[in-house]
């Protein structure tokens, strides 16, 4: 159910008041999504996985036990990342890929759709045969 003009005006006033009283909070609220927390933990898990891999490879010639600790770090990071991927879910991943598609579309405009022109040329040459 859409908001009435009166309700919309009240919400706009509340938003303006928030920006005047606490601009830091207003910026944080406007830039944060439901999935921000989960993606932060996914990045942390990826970093932990890389650190575990470095420990594993760096200590392999020194001691197998230290290498095993590196493997355990990798295993725990993979589990933690998978757990947070499940929390983010399909909707969160679609939001991220939608953002990536938007930036890809913008870069296509920058490069002038060279790939599309090449496909058109190839299709034209196939049609002539």
Protein backbone atom coordinates (compact mmCIF):
# COMPACT_ATOMS: atom_id res chain seq x y z
CA UNK A 1 0.00 0.00 0.00
CA UNK A 2 1.62 3.27 -1.06
CA UNK A 3 2.10 6.10 1.40
CA UNK A 4 -0.17 9.10 1.35
CA UNK A 5 1.26 12.54 0.61
CA UNK A 6 1.01 13.44 4.28
CA UNK A 7 2.94 10.33 5.37
CA UNK A 8 5.56 10.90 2.68
CA UNK A 9 6.02 14.52 3.84
CA UNK A 10 6.44 13.38 7.47
CA UNK A 11 9.05 10.79 6.48
CA UNK A 12 10.95 13.41 4.46
CA UNK A 13 10.97 15.73 7.48
CA UNK A 14 12.26 12.92 9.73
CA UNK A 15 15.00 12.14 7.22
CA UNK A 16 16.08 15.79 6.98
CA UNK A 17 16.11 16.07 10.77
CA UNK A 18 18.30 12.95 11.02
CA UNK A 19 20.77 14.38 8.50
CA UNK A 20 20.95 17.62 10.52
CA UNK A 21 21.25 16.00 13.96
CA UNK A 22 23.59 13.10 13.22
CA UNK A 23 25.06 13.09 9.69
CA UNK A 24 27.40 10.19 10.52
CA UNK A 25 24.55 7.90 11.48
CA UNK A 26 22.51 9.02 8.49
CA UNK A 27 25.39 8.18 6.14
CA UNK A 28 25.98 4.81 7.80
CA UNK A 29 22.31 3.86 7.59
CA UNK A 30 22.04 4.90 3.95
CA UNK A 31 25.19 2.97 2.92
CA UNK A 32 24.53 -0.22 4.93
CA UNK A 33 22.41 -3.07 3.61
CA UNK A 34 21.10 -6.21 5.24
CA UNK A 35 23.97 -8.18 3.68
CA UNK A 36 26.88 -5.91 4.67
CA UNK A 37 27.63 -7.81 7.89
CA UNK A 38 27.66 -11.18 6.15
CA UNK A 39 29.93 -10.02 3.33
CA UNK A 40 32.37 -8.58 5.86
CA UNK A 41 32.63 -12.00 7.46
CA UNK A 42 33.01 -13.71 4.07
CA UNK A 43 35.97 -11.44 3.27
CA UNK A 44 37.44 -12.25 6.68
CA UNK A 45 37.05 -15.97 5.99
CA UNK A 46 38.77 -15.60 2.60
CA UNK A 47 41.66 -13.77 4.27
CA UNK A 48 41.89 -16.53 6.89
CA UNK A 49 41.96 -19.16 4.15
CA UNK A 50 44.84 -17.39 2.40
CA UNK A 51 46.73 -17.04 5.69
CA UNK A 52 46.18 -20.75 6.41
CA UNK A 53 47.46 -21.64 2.95
CA UNK A 54 50.56 -19.48 3.51
CA UNK A 55 51.17 -21.15 6.88
CA UNK A 56 50.72 -24.58 5.31
CA UNK A 57 53.10 -23.93 2.43
CA UNK A 58 55.59 -21.95 4.50
CA UNK A 59 55.99 -24.57 7.22
CA UNK A 60 55.77 -27.71 5.10
CA UNK A 61 59.56 -28.10 4.99
CA UNK A 62 59.94 -27.25 8.70
CA UNK A 63 57.36 -29.45 10.41
CA UNK A 64 54.34 -31.42 9.40
CA UNK A 65 52.60 -30.39 12.62
CA UNK A 66 52.83 -26.69 11.79
CA UNK A 67 51.58 -27.48 8.30
CA UNK A 68 48.67 -29.32 9.83
CA UNK A 69 47.86 -26.21 11.87
CA UNK A 70 47.81 -24.26 8.59
CA UNK A 71 45.43 -26.84 7.16
CA UNK A 72 43.17 -26.49 10.22
CA UNK A 73 43.15 -22.71 9.75
CA UNK A 74 42.12 -23.22 6.12
CA UNK A 75 39.42 -25.70 7.13
CA UNK A 76 37.99 -23.42 9.82
CA UNK A 77 38.03 -20.44 7.42
CA UNK A 78 36.25 -22.43 4.72
CA UNK A 79 33.59 -23.55 7.21
CA UNK A 80 33.13 -19.99 8.49
CA UNK A 81 32.89 -18.61 4.96
CA UNK A 82 30.36 -21.25 3.94
CA UNK A 83 28.27 -20.53 7.02
CA UNK A 84 28.16 -16.83 6.17
CA UNK A 85 27.43 -17.54 2.51
CA UNK A 86 24.36 -19.46 3.65
CA UNK A 87 23.34 -16.52 5.84
CA UNK A 88 23.69 -14.06 2.97
CA UNK A 89 21.73 -16.42 0.75
CA UNK A 90 20.70 -16.21 -2.83
CA UNK A 91 19.22 -12.71 -2.52
CA UNK A 92 22.48 -11.26 -1.23
CA UNK A 93 24.49 -12.88 -3.97
CA UNK A 94 22.05 -11.56 -6.57
CA UNK A 95 22.45 -8.08 -5.11
CA UNK A 96 26.24 -8.31 -5.47
CA UNK A 97 26.09 -9.73 -8.98
CA UNK A 98 23.50 -7.10 -9.92
CA UNK A 99 25.95 -4.43 -8.79
CA UNK A 100 28.69 -6.10 -10.83
CA UNK A 101 26.42 -6.26 -13.87
CA UNK A 102 25.66 -2.56 -13.53
CA UNK A 103 29.34 -1.70 -13.44
CA UNK A 104 29.95 -4.02 -16.42
CA UNK A 105 27.20 -2.27 -18.36
CA UNK A 106 28.76 1.09 -17.57
CA UNK A 107 32.18 -0.13 -18.74
CA UNK A 108 30.62 -1.40 -21.97
CA UNK A 109 29.44 2.11 -22.67
CA UNK A 110 32.99 3.29 -21.97
CA UNK A 111 34.53 0.81 -24.41
CA UNK A 112 31.89 1.44 -27.05
CA UNK A 113 30.46 -2.10 -27.29
CA UNK A 114 33.39 -3.38 -29.37
CA UNK A 115 32.39 -6.99 -28.69
CA UNK A 116 28.87 -6.41 -29.99
CA UNK A 117 30.24 -4.86 -33.17
CA UNK A 118 32.53 -7.86 -33.71
CA UNK A 119 29.63 -10.30 -33.24
CA UNK A 120 27.55 -8.32 -35.71
CA UNK A 121 30.37 -8.42 -38.25
CA UNK A 122 30.81 -12.17 -37.82
CA UNK A 123 27.06 -12.76 -38.13
CA UNK A 124 26.94 -10.63 -41.28
CA UNK A 125 29.76 -12.66 -42.86
CA UNK A 126 27.97 -15.92 -41.94
CA UNK A 127 24.76 -14.68 -43.55
CA UNK A 128 26.54 -13.97 -46.85
CA UNK A 129 27.60 -17.61 -47.27
